[in-house]
C-alpha cells in the first residue's frame, strides 16, 4: 500500500504545477485523518501529513451543515474532502515547513464533510511530513535543477561579443544577469486563515489567551 498524498504531490511537481494535466478520475473524495487543526490544519493518509488550505465556500458550507462543530477542534477526527485541487507556489521554506526548496504543493479544500462516528481515531503508524520524504525532495530538486539549467542556457546565449570592448571600458560591459525563474502557473486561490476561523469560532480573546 502506498501513500495517496505522495503519489499526487510528486505527480503535481512532475507536471510542473499544472493540475489540469491530471486525469479527471484523480479528483475523487479524499478521506483523511486530522493530525492537527490549529494553528495548522494538517491531514494524514496514514503515511504522511500535508497542510489543507480552505476556501471561504468550503468554510461556509461546512458551518451551514455543522453548526455545533468547530473546525479548529477537529484534531483526531476523520474528514472527507469532497471537492479539491492542488496548487504549486513559491514560498520561503524557512517559514513554511510544509515545503521544500522554496516550493510548496498545496491541497486546496473547496468542500469537505465530517465523518460521523469516527471520533478519536488512532493511526497505525506515526505520519511524517511529506516534504521531508527523500523521493519528494528528489522530485523537487529535479524540477528546480531543470529550471536552473534553462536559466543558465538563456544567459549563455545572450553573452556579449567581447571583441568589440574598449580596453578602458567599464567592468559592467561584460556583466550578464542570470536569475532562476519558474515558468509554471502559481496557484492564486483565496484562502481563509485558520486564525480568522479560530476567532470566528471562539472569539478574539480566546486567541489572545493562547499567546
Protein backbone atom coordinates (compact mmCIF):
# COMPACT_ATOMS: atom_id res chain seq x y z
CA UNK A 1 0.00 0.00 0.00
CA UNK A 2 1.36 3.41 -0.98
CA UNK A 3 0.68 6.96 0.11
CA UNK A 4 -2.01 8.74 -1.89
CA UNK A 5 -0.57 12.12 -0.92
CA UNK A 6 2.91 11.14 -2.08
CA UNK A 7 1.60 9.95 -5.44
CA UNK A 8 -0.49 13.09 -6.02
CA UNK A 9 2.10 15.61 -4.87
CA UNK A 10 5.04 14.12 -6.80
CA UNK A 11 2.85 13.97 -9.90
CA UNK A 12 2.00 17.64 -9.41
CA UNK A 13 5.72 18.51 -9.35
CA UNK A 14 6.37 16.34 -12.41
CA UNK A 15 3.54 18.21 -14.20
CA UNK A 16 5.27 21.49 -13.28
CA UNK A 17 2.34 22.69 -11.20
CA UNK A 18 -0.31 22.15 -13.87
CA UNK A 19 -3.26 20.45 -12.17
CA UNK A 20 -5.16 20.38 -15.47
CA UNK A 21 -2.83 17.59 -16.62
CA UNK A 22 -4.29 15.24 -14.04
CA UNK A 23 -6.87 12.77 -15.26
CA UNK A 24 -10.38 13.72 -14.19
CA UNK A 25 -10.65 10.41 -12.35
CA UNK A 26 -7.97 11.52 -9.90
CA UNK A 27 -10.28 14.08 -8.33
CA UNK A 28 -12.04 11.60 -6.09
CA UNK A 29 -13.02 12.36 -2.46
CA UNK A 30 -10.07 12.18 -0.06
CA UNK A 31 -10.82 10.60 3.30
CA UNK A 32 -8.16 11.61 5.79
CA UNK A 33 -7.28 11.86 9.45
CA UNK A 34 -6.90 15.30 11.04
CA UNK A 35 -3.49 15.28 12.71
CA UNK A 36 -3.71 18.92 13.82
CA UNK A 37 -6.45 21.52 13.49
CA UNK A 38 -4.75 24.62 14.94
CA UNK A 39 -2.55 26.61 14.42
CA UNK A 40 -2.10 24.49 11.26
CA UNK A 41 -4.68 22.21 9.71
CA UNK A 42 -2.76 19.03 8.90
CA UNK A 43 -4.27 15.86 7.50
CA UNK A 44 -2.76 12.42 7.07
CA UNK A 45 -3.30 9.44 4.77
CA UNK A 46 -1.72 7.23 7.45
CA UNK A 47 1.71 7.65 5.84
CA UNK A 48 2.40 11.38 5.54
CA UNK A 49 0.75 14.62 6.56
CA UNK A 50 0.13 17.74 4.48
CA UNK A 51 -1.48 21.12 5.13
CA UNK A 52 -5.02 21.90 3.98
CA UNK A 53 -6.00 25.32 2.67
CA UNK A 54 -9.72 26.07 2.93
CA UNK A 55 -11.65 28.33 0.57
CA UNK A 56 -14.38 30.57 2.02
CA UNK A 57 -17.04 28.47 0.31
CA UNK A 58 -15.70 25.32 1.99
CA UNK A 59 -15.87 27.00 5.40
CA UNK A 60 -19.35 28.47 4.85
CA UNK A 61 -20.79 25.19 3.56
CA UNK A 62 -19.30 23.21 6.45
CA UNK A 63 -20.65 25.67 9.03
CA UNK A 64 -24.10 25.58 7.46
CA UNK A 65 -24.24 21.79 7.89
CA UNK A 66 -22.33 21.53 11.19
CA UNK A 67 -23.44 24.42 13.36
CA UNK A 68 -22.04 22.86 16.54
CA UNK A 69 -18.69 21.70 15.17
CA UNK A 70 -15.57 23.86 15.36
CA UNK A 71 -13.09 23.38 12.55
CA UNK A 72 -10.24 24.23 14.90
CA UNK A 73 -11.36 21.37 17.18
CA UNK A 74 -11.30 18.61 14.56
CA UNK A 75 -7.99 17.15 15.68
CA UNK A 76 -8.12 13.31 15.75
CA UNK A 77 -11.34 13.32 13.69
CA UNK A 78 -11.81 12.00 10.17
CA UNK A 79 -12.93 14.25 7.33
CA UNK A 80 -13.62 13.65 3.66
CA UNK A 81 -12.56 16.37 1.25
CA UNK A 82 -15.20 16.04 -1.44
CA UNK A 83 -14.02 18.82 -3.77
CA UNK A 84 -10.35 19.69 -4.00
CA UNK A 85 -7.47 20.71 -6.22
CA UNK A 86 -3.69 21.07 -6.00
CA UNK A 87 -1.66 24.22 -6.49
CA UNK A 88 2.07 24.82 -6.54
CA UNK A 89 3.59 28.01 -5.16
CA UNK A 90 6.95 29.57 -4.47
CA UNK A 91 7.42 30.13 -0.74
CA UNK A 92 10.14 30.70 1.82
CA UNK A 93 10.81 27.20 3.11
CA UNK A 94 12.32 28.64 6.28
CA UNK A 95 8.84 29.95 7.14
CA UNK A 96 6.66 27.23 5.58
CA UNK A 97 7.53 23.80 6.96
CA UNK A 98 5.20 22.04 4.51
CA UNK A 99 7.51 22.92 1.63
CA UNK A 100 10.98 22.16 0.33
CA UNK A 101 13.48 24.06 -1.77
CA UNK A 102 11.23 27.11 -1.97
CA UNK A 103 8.28 25.20 -3.43
CA UNK A 104 5.03 24.08 -1.84
CA UNK A 105 2.28 21.94 -3.30
CA UNK A 106 -0.98 22.90 -1.62
CA UNK A 107 -4.07 20.81 -1.05
CA UNK A 108 -6.98 23.20 -1.59
CA UNK A 109 -10.25 22.10 0.01
CA UNK A 110 -13.33 23.52 -1.72
CA UNK A 111 -15.80 21.30 0.13
CA UNK A 112 -15.46 18.79 2.96
CA UNK A 113 -17.53 16.88 5.45
CA UNK A 114 -17.01 15.44 8.89
CA UNK A 115 -17.31 11.66 9.08
CA UNK A 116 -19.78 10.70 11.76
CA UNK A 117 -18.89 8.04 14.29
CA UNK A 118 -15.16 8.42 13.58
CA UNK A 119 -14.20 10.16 16.78
CA UNK A 120 -10.73 9.84 18.30
CA UNK A 121 -9.28 7.58 15.61
CA UNK A 122 -5.88 6.07 16.36
CA UNK A 123 -3.48 5.72 13.42
CA UNK A 124 -1.50 2.54 12.88
CA UNK A 125 1.71 4.49 12.28
CA UNK A 126 3.13 7.92 13.02
CA UNK A 127 2.79 10.07 9.88
CA UNK A 128 5.72 12.24 8.81
CA UNK A 129 5.99 15.50 6.89
CA UNK A 130 5.60 14.67 3.19
CA UNK A 131 8.11 17.35 2.27
CA UNK A 132 10.80 15.57 4.28
CA UNK A 133 10.44 12.39 2.23
CA UNK A 134 13.55 11.60 0.15
CA UNK A 135 11.64 10.88 -3.07
CA UNK A 136 9.56 14.04 -2.79
CA UNK A 137 12.67 16.12 -2.20
CA UNK A 138 14.36 14.47 -5.19
CA UNK A 139 11.37 15.33 -7.40
CA UNK A 140 11.52 18.97 -6.32
CA UNK A 141 15.29 19.07 -6.80
CA UNK A 142 14.88 17.72 -10.34
CA UNK A 143 12.29 20.40 -11.06
CA UNK A 144 14.42 23.26 -9.74
CA UNK A 145 17.61 21.89 -11.35
CA UNK A 146 15.92 21.85 -14.74
CA UNK A 147 14.97 25.50 -14.38
CA UNK A 148 18.47 26.43 -13.23
CA UNK A 149 19.93 24.82 -16.37
CA UNK A 150 17.39 26.62 -18.55
CA UNK A 151 18.27 29.97 -16.96
CA UNK A 152 22.00 29.31 -17.39
CA UNK A 153 21.49 28.40 -21.06
CA UNK A 154 19.49 31.56 -21.64
CA UNK A 155 22.21 33.66 -20.00
CA UNK A 156 24.93 31.99 -22.08
CA UNK A 157 23.08 32.65 -25.33
CA UNK A 158 22.96 36.35 -24.52
CA UNK A 159 26.66 36.78 -23.71
CA UNK A 160 28.11 39.87 -25.41
CA UNK A 161 30.81 39.83 -28.08
CA UNK A 162 33.88 40.89 -26.09
CA UNK A 163 35.92 41.56 -29.25
CA UNK A 164 34.25 44.93 -29.51
CA UNK A 165 35.00 46.07 -25.95
CA UNK A 166 37.22 49.05 -25.36
CA UNK A 167 40.42 48.40 -23.43
CA UNK A 168 39.48 51.00 -20.83
CA UNK A 169 35.79 50.14 -20.80
CA UNK A 170 33.83 49.80 -17.59
CA UNK A 171 33.54 46.46 -15.84
CA UNK A 172 29.80 46.45 -16.50
CA UNK A 173 30.43 45.79 -20.21
CA UNK A 174 30.71 42.04 -19.72
CA UNK A 175 28.18 41.52 -16.95
CA UNK A 176 25.18 39.38 -17.80
CA UNK A 177 22.43 38.91 -15.22
CA UNK A 178 21.01 35.42 -14.75
CA UNK A 179 18.19 34.55 -12.37
CA UNK A 180 16.32 31.32 -11.95
CA UNK A 181 12.71 31.74 -12.94
CA UNK A 182 9.93 29.19 -12.83
CA UNK A 183 7.54 29.14 -15.74
CA UNK A 184 4.74 27.26 -14.00
CA UNK A 185 1.46 28.96 -13.19
CA UNK A 186 1.34 29.60 -9.47
CA UNK A 187 -1.89 28.99 -7.60
CA UNK A 188 -3.87 32.12 -6.79
CA UNK A 189 -6.77 30.72 -4.77
CA UNK A 190 -8.00 32.82 -1.86
CA UNK A 191 -7.95 31.01 1.50
CA UNK A 192 -9.44 31.62 4.90
CA UNK A 193 -6.70 31.73 7.52
CA UNK A 194 -7.00 29.41 10.50
CA UNK A 195 -6.50 32.39 12.77
CA UNK A 196 -9.63 34.05 11.42
CA UNK A 197 -11.53 30.76 11.70
CA UNK A 198 -10.39 30.42 15.31
CA UNK A 199 -11.56 33.96 16.12
CA UNK A 200 -14.90 33.28 14.47
CA UNK A 201 -15.40 30.08 16.44
CA UNK A 202 -14.00 31.06 19.83
CA UNK A 203 -13.54 34.82 19.84
CA UNK A 204 -10.50 37.06 19.67
CA UNK A 205 -9.97 36.86 23.44
CA UNK A 206 -9.51 33.09 23.24
CA UNK A 207 -6.70 33.60 20.74
CA UNK A 208 -5.04 36.21 22.95
CA UNK A 209 -5.11 33.85 25.91
CA UNK A 210 -3.05 31.34 23.93
CA UNK A 211 -0.23 33.80 23.27
